[in-house]
PDB file of N, CA and C in Angstrom:
ATOM      1  N   MET A   1       0.965  -1.482   0.069  1.00  0.00           N
ATOM      2  CA  MET A   1      -0.225  -0.129  -0.016  1.00  0.00           C
ATOM      3  C   MET A   1       0.697   1.492  -0.091  1.00  0.00           C
ATOM      4  N   GLY A   2       1.967   0.829   0.552  1.00  0.00           N
ATOM      5  CA  GLY A   2       3.100   2.247   0.852  1.00  0.00           C
ATOM      6  C   GLY A   2       2.911   3.171  -0.080  1.00  0.00           C
ATOM      7  N   LEU A   3       3.834   2.606  -1.424  1.00  0.00           N
ATOM      8  CA  LEU A   3       4.012   4.103  -2.835  1.00  0.00           C
ATOM      9  C   LEU A   3       2.679   4.338  -3.492  1.00  0.00           C
ATOM     10  N   PHE A   4       1.596   2.622  -3.142  1.00  0.00           N
ATOM     11  CA  PHE A   4       0.734   3.222  -4.358  1.00  0.00           C
ATOM     12  C   PHE A   4      -0.187   4.066  -3.548  1.00  0.00           C
ATOM     13  N   GLY A   5      -0.614   3.785  -2.383  1.00  0.00           N
ATOM     14  CA  GLY A   5      -1.724   4.541  -1.386  1.00  0.00           C
ATOM     15  C   GLY A   5      -0.904   6.254  -1.295  1.00  0.00           C
ATOM     16  N   GLY A   6      -0.045   6.337  -0.888  1.00  0.00           N
ATOM     17  CA  GLY A   6       0.497   7.719  -1.432  1.00  0.00           C
ATOM     18  C   GLY A   6       0.341   8.602  -2.497  1.00  0.00           C
ATOM     19  N   GLY A   7       0.710   7.578  -3.487  1.00  0.00           N
ATOM     20  CA  GLY A   7       1.379   8.748  -4.951  1.00  0.00           C
ATOM     21  C   GLY A   7      -0.343   8.369  -5.295  1.00  0.00           C
ATOM     22  N   LEU A   8      -1.324   7.536  -5.160  1.00  0.00           N
ATOM     23  CA  LEU A   8      -2.920   7.480  -5.645  1.00  0.00           C
ATOM     24  C   LEU A   8      -3.620   8.814  -4.078  1.00  0.00           C
ATOM     25  N   LYS A   9      -3.023   8.890  -3.155  1.00  0.00           N
ATOM     26  CA  LYS A   9      -3.764  10.317  -2.686  1.00  0.00           C
ATOM     27  C   LYS A   9      -3.283  11.659  -2.653  1.00  0.00           C
ATOM     28  N   PHE A  10      -1.790  11.454  -3.413  1.00  0.00           N
ATOM     29  CA  PHE A  10      -1.255  12.725  -3.933  1.00  0.00           C
ATOM     30  C   PHE A  10      -1.845  13.384  -4.991  1.00  0.00           C
ATOM     31  N   LEU A  11      -2.021  11.971  -6.393  1.00  0.00           N
ATOM     32  CA  LEU A  11      -2.989  12.620  -7.385  1.00  0.00           C
ATOM     33  C   LEU A  11      -4.557  12.895  -7.111  1.00  0.00           C
ATOM     34  N   VAL A  12      -4.888  12.329  -6.191  1.00  0.00           N
ATOM     35  CA  VAL A  12      -6.568  12.777  -5.823  1.00  0.00           C
ATOM     36  C   VAL A  12      -6.388  14.134  -5.320  1.00  0.00           C
ATOM     37  N   GLY A  13      -5.717  14.639  -4.616  1.00  0.00           N
ATOM     38  CA  GLY A  13      -5.243  15.813  -4.146  1.00  0.00           C
ATOM     39  C   GLY A  13      -5.455  16.739  -5.251  1.00  0.00           C
ATOM     40  N   VAL A  14      -4.063  16.715  -6.085  1.00  0.00           N
ATOM     41  CA  VAL A  14      -3.917  17.478  -7.224  1.00  0.00           C
ATOM     42  C   VAL A  14      -5.241  17.205  -8.251  1.00  0.00           C
ATOM     43  N   GLY A  15      -5.774  16.763  -8.235  1.00  0.00           N
ATOM     44  CA  GLY A  15      -6.934  16.906  -9.311  1.00  0.00           C
ATOM     45  C   GLY A  15      -8.018  17.799  -8.602  1.00  0.00           C
ATOM     46  N   CYS A  16      -8.310  17.111  -7.117  1.00  0.00           N
ATOM     47  CA  CYS A  16      -9.144  18.381  -6.124  1.00  0.00           C
ATOM     48  C   CYS A  16      -8.777  19.632  -6.611  1.00  0.00           C
ATOM     49  N   GLY A  17      -7.784  19.703  -6.161  1.00  0.00           N
ATOM     50  CA  GLY A  17      -6.913  21.254  -6.192  1.00  0.00           C
ATOM     51  C   GLY A  17      -7.256  22.135  -7.798  1.00  0.00           C
ATOM     52  N   VAL A  18      -6.781  21.383  -8.624  1.00  0.00           N
ATOM     53  CA  VAL A  18      -7.290  21.543  -9.984  1.00  0.00           C
ATOM     54  C   VAL A  18      -8.569  22.191 -10.546  1.00  0.00           C
ATOM     55  N   TYR A  19      -9.639  21.544  -9.975  1.00  0.00           N
ATOM     56  CA  TYR A  19     -11.085  21.295  -9.975  1.00  0.00           C
ATOM     57  C   TYR A  19     -11.200  22.861  -9.265  1.00  0.00           C
ATOM     58  N   VAL A  20     -10.811  22.724  -7.899  1.00  0.00           N
ATOM     59  CA  VAL A  20     -11.508  23.743  -7.106  1.00  0.00           C
ATOM     60  C   VAL A  20     -10.989  25.440  -7.783  1.00  0.00           C
ATOM     61  N   ALA A  21      -9.600  25.645  -8.070  1.00  0.00           N
ATOM     62  CA  ALA A  21      -9.139  26.552  -8.973  1.00  0.00           C
ATOM     63  C   ALA A  21      -9.567  26.872  -9.923  1.00  0.00           C
ATOM     64  N   GLN A  22     -10.327  25.898 -10.440  1.00  0.00           N
ATOM     65  CA  GLN A  22     -10.964  26.497 -12.261  1.00  0.00           C
ATOM     66  C   GLN A  22     -12.237  26.730 -11.738  1.00  0.00           C
ATOM     67  N   ASN A  23     -12.683  26.157 -11.191  1.00  0.00           N
ATOM     68  CA  ASN A  23     -14.474  26.346 -10.641  1.00  0.00           C
ATOM     69  C   ASN A  23     -14.372  27.412  -9.562  1.00  0.00           C
ATOM     70  N   TYR A  24     -13.929  27.795  -9.364  1.00  0.00           N
ATOM     71  CA  TYR A  24     -14.351  28.917  -7.997  1.00  0.00           C
ATOM     72  C   TYR A  24     -13.398  29.760  -7.695  1.00  0.00           C
ATOM     73  N   ASN A  25     -13.515  30.972  -7.348  1.00  0.00           N
ATOM     74  CA  ASN A  25     -12.929  32.217  -7.173  1.00  0.00           C
ATOM     75  C   ASN A  25     -11.786  32.184  -5.868  1.00  0.00           C
ATOM     76  N   VAL A  26     -10.974  31.249  -6.048  1.00  0.00           N
ATOM     77  CA  VAL A  26      -9.517  30.925  -4.971  1.00  0.00           C
ATOM     78  C   VAL A  26      -8.664  32.231  -5.145  1.00  0.00           C
ATOM     79  N   PRO A  27      -8.389  33.030  -3.735  1.00  0.00           N
ATOM     80  CA  PRO A  27      -7.515  34.135  -3.888  1.00  0.00           C
ATOM     81  C   PRO A  27      -6.426  33.792  -4.511  1.00  0.00           C
ATOM     82  N   ASN A  28      -5.652  34.335  -4.970  1.00  0.00           N
ATOM     83  CA  ASN A  28      -4.165  34.126  -5.044  1.00  0.00           C
ATOM     84  C   ASN A  28      -3.017  34.438  -3.892  1.00  0.00           C
ATOM     85  N   VAL A  29      -2.546  33.308  -3.483  1.00  0.00           N
ATOM     86  CA  VAL A  29      -1.972  33.257  -1.688  1.00  0.00           C
ATOM     87  C   VAL A  29      -0.887  34.079  -2.031  1.00  0.00           C
ATOM     88  N   LYS A  30       0.038  34.414  -2.945  1.00  0.00           N
ATOM     89  CA  LYS A  30       1.554  34.571  -3.037  1.00  0.00           C
ATOM     90  C   LYS A  30       1.113  36.572  -3.289  1.00  0.00           C
ATOM     91  N   LYS A  31       0.441  36.517  -3.539  1.00  0.00           N
ATOM     92  CA  LYS A  31      -0.138  38.216  -3.494  1.00  0.00           C
ATOM     93  C   LYS A  31      -0.918  38.582  -2.308  1.00  0.00           C
ATOM     94  N   LEU A  32      -1.377  37.629  -1.596  1.00  0.00           N
ATOM     95  CA  LEU A  32      -2.197  38.365  -0.522  1.00  0.00           C
ATOM     96  C   LEU A  32      -0.888  37.936   0.099  1.00  0.00           C
ATOM     97  N   PHE A  33       0.101  37.359   0.792  1.00  0.00           N
ATOM     98  CA  PHE A  33       1.152  37.449   1.176  1.00  0.00           C
ATOM     99  C   PHE A  33       2.006  38.405   0.986  1.00  0.00           C
ATOM    100  N   ASN A  34       2.248  38.654   0.053  1.00  0.00           N
ATOM    101  CA  ASN A  34       3.089  39.874  -0.588  1.00  0.00           C
ATOM    102  C   ASN A  34       2.527  41.333   0.277  1.00  0.00           C
ATOM    103  N   THR A  35       0.438  41.316   0.241  1.00  0.00           N
ATOM    104  CA  THR A  35       0.205  42.577   0.685  1.00  0.00           C
ATOM    105  C   THR A  35       0.375  42.555   2.199  1.00  0.00           C
ATOM    106  N   TYR A  36       0.466  41.129   2.738  1.00  0.00           N
ATOM    107  CA  TYR A  36       0.676  41.378   4.291  1.00  0.00           C
ATOM    108  C   TYR A  36       2.421  41.622   4.447  1.00  0.00           C
ATOM    109  N   VAL A  37       3.432  41.345   3.767  1.00  0.00           N
ATOM    110  CA  VAL A  37       4.478  41.086   4.422  1.00  0.00           C
ATOM    111  C   VAL A  37       4.641  43.279   4.311  1.00  0.00           C
ATOM    112  N   PHE A  38       3.973  43.652   3.100  1.00  0.00           N
ATOM    113  CA  PHE A  38       3.979  45.366   3.223  1.00  0.00           C
ATOM    114  C   PHE A  38       3.830  45.761   4.101  1.00  0.00           C
ATOM    115  N   LEU A  39       2.688  45.293   4.225  1.00  0.00           N
ATOM    116  CA  LEU A  39       1.809  45.891   5.512  1.00  0.00           C
ATOM    117  C   LEU A  39       2.150  46.160   6.479  1.00  0.00           C
ATOM    118  N   ALA A  40       3.176  44.847   7.265  1.00  0.00           N
ATOM    119  CA  ALA A  40       3.635  44.603   8.448  1.00  0.00           C
ATOM    120  C   ALA A  40       4.599  45.381   8.460  1.00  0.00           C
ATOM    121  N   LYS A  41       5.924  45.489   7.579  1.00  0.00           N
ATOM    122  CA  LYS A  41       6.702  46.456   7.103  1.00  0.00           C
ATOM    123  C   LYS A  41       6.570  48.083   7.476  1.00  0.00           C
ATOM    124  N   HIS A  42       5.051  48.380   7.031  1.00  0.00           N
ATOM    125  CA  HIS A  42       5.089  49.707   7.255  1.00  0.00           C
ATOM    126  C   HIS A  42       4.180  49.950   8.542  1.00  0.00           C
ATOM    127  N   ILE A  43       3.845  49.114   9.328  1.00  0.00           N
ATOM    128  CA  ILE A  43       3.459  49.548  10.412  1.00  0.00           C
ATOM    129  C   ILE A  43       5.201  49.068  11.429  1.00  0.00           C
ATOM    130  N   GLU A  44       5.634  48.571  10.965  1.00  0.00           N
ATOM    131  CA  GLU A  44       6.995  48.731  12.026  1.00  0.00           C
ATOM    132  C   GLU A  44       7.843  49.919  12.052  1.00  0.00           C
ATOM    133  N   GLU A  45       8.136  50.433  10.338  1.00  0.00           N
ATOM    134  CA  GLU A  45       8.639  51.662  10.190  1.00  0.00           C
ATOM    135  C   GLU A  45       7.487  52.752  10.849  1.00  0.00           C
ATOM    136  N   THR A  46       6.405  52.670  10.863  1.00  0.00           N
ATOM    137  CA  THR A  46       6.206  53.854  11.587  1.00  0.00           C
ATOM    138  C   THR A  46       5.860  54.203  12.706  1.00  0.00           C
ATOM    139  N   TYR A  47       5.902  53.210  13.748  1.00  0.00           N
ATOM    140  CA  TYR A  47       5.948  52.841  15.417  1.00  0.00           C
ATOM    141  C   TYR A  47       7.307  52.491  15.780  1.00  0.00           C
ATOM    142  N   ARG A  48       8.287  52.416  14.982  1.00  0.00           N
ATOM    143  CA  ARG A  48       9.452  52.067  15.239  1.00  0.00           C
ATOM    144  C   ARG A  48      10.321  53.563  16.173  1.00  0.00           C
ATOM    145  N   LYS A  49      10.687  52.536  17.623  1.00  0.00           N
ATOM    146  CA  LYS A  49      11.466  53.985  18.041  1.00  0.00           C
ATOM    147  C   LYS A  49      12.297  54.603  17.343  1.00  0.00           C
ATOM    148  N   PRO A  50      12.442  56.368  17.532  1.00  0.00           N
ATOM    149  CA  PRO A  50      13.469  56.920  16.771  1.00  0.00           C
ATOM    150  C   PRO A  50      15.116  56.814  17.417  1.00  0.00           C
ATOM    151  N   LYS A  51      15.899  56.465  16.709  1.00  0.00           N
ATOM    152  CA  LYS A  51      17.483  56.110  17.053  1.00  0.00           C
ATOM    153  C   LYS A  51      17.739  57.209  17.749  1.00  0.00           C
ATOM    154  N   LYS A  52      18.917  56.946  18.612  1.00  0.00           N
ATOM    155  CA  LYS A  52      19.916  57.265  19.589  1.00  0.00           C
ATOM    156  C   LYS A  52      21.093  58.097  18.709  1.00  0.00           C
ATOM    157  N   ASP A  53      21.260  59.641  18.760  1.00  0.00           N
ATOM    158  CA  ASP A  53      22.308  59.651  17.959  1.00  0.00           C
ATOM    159  C   ASP A  53      24.025  59.543  18.960  1.00  0.00           C
ATOM    160  N   ASP A  54      24.685  58.758  18.593  1.00  0.00           N
ATOM    161  CA  ASP A  54      25.934  58.273  18.956  1.00  0.00           C
ATOM    162  C   ASP A  54      26.709  59.670  19.390  1.00  0.00           C
ATOM    163  N   LYS A  55      26.939  60.612  18.471  1.00  0.00           N
ATOM    164  CA  LYS A  55      27.974  61.570  18.370  1.00  0.00           C
ATOM    165  C   LYS A  55      27.726  62.633  19.754  1.00  0.00           C
ATOM    166  N   ASP A  56      26.243  63.261  20.027  1.00  0.00           N
ATOM    167  CA  ASP A  56      26.360  63.474  21.491  1.00  0.00           C
ATOM    168  C   ASP A  56      26.979  63.563  22.419  1.00  0.00           C
ATOM    169  N   GLU A  57      27.555  61.824  22.786  1.00  0.00           N
ATOM    170  CA  GLU A  57      27.705  61.445  23.916  1.00  0.00           C
ATOM    171  C   GLU A  57      29.147  61.857  24.091  1.00  0.00           C
TER     172      GLU A  57
END
């Protein structure tokens, strides 16, 4: 059952994924991830503590 069972499960999963992607409005995960990364960087830069100048010490 090992190789054939695992291969069969993989092929069924790929087939279901292709069907869902073609027939339903599935969001683009890569674009969604990049949007969240950009938003996180923007929030981090906005609320970052200001750096102290070492020249005055």
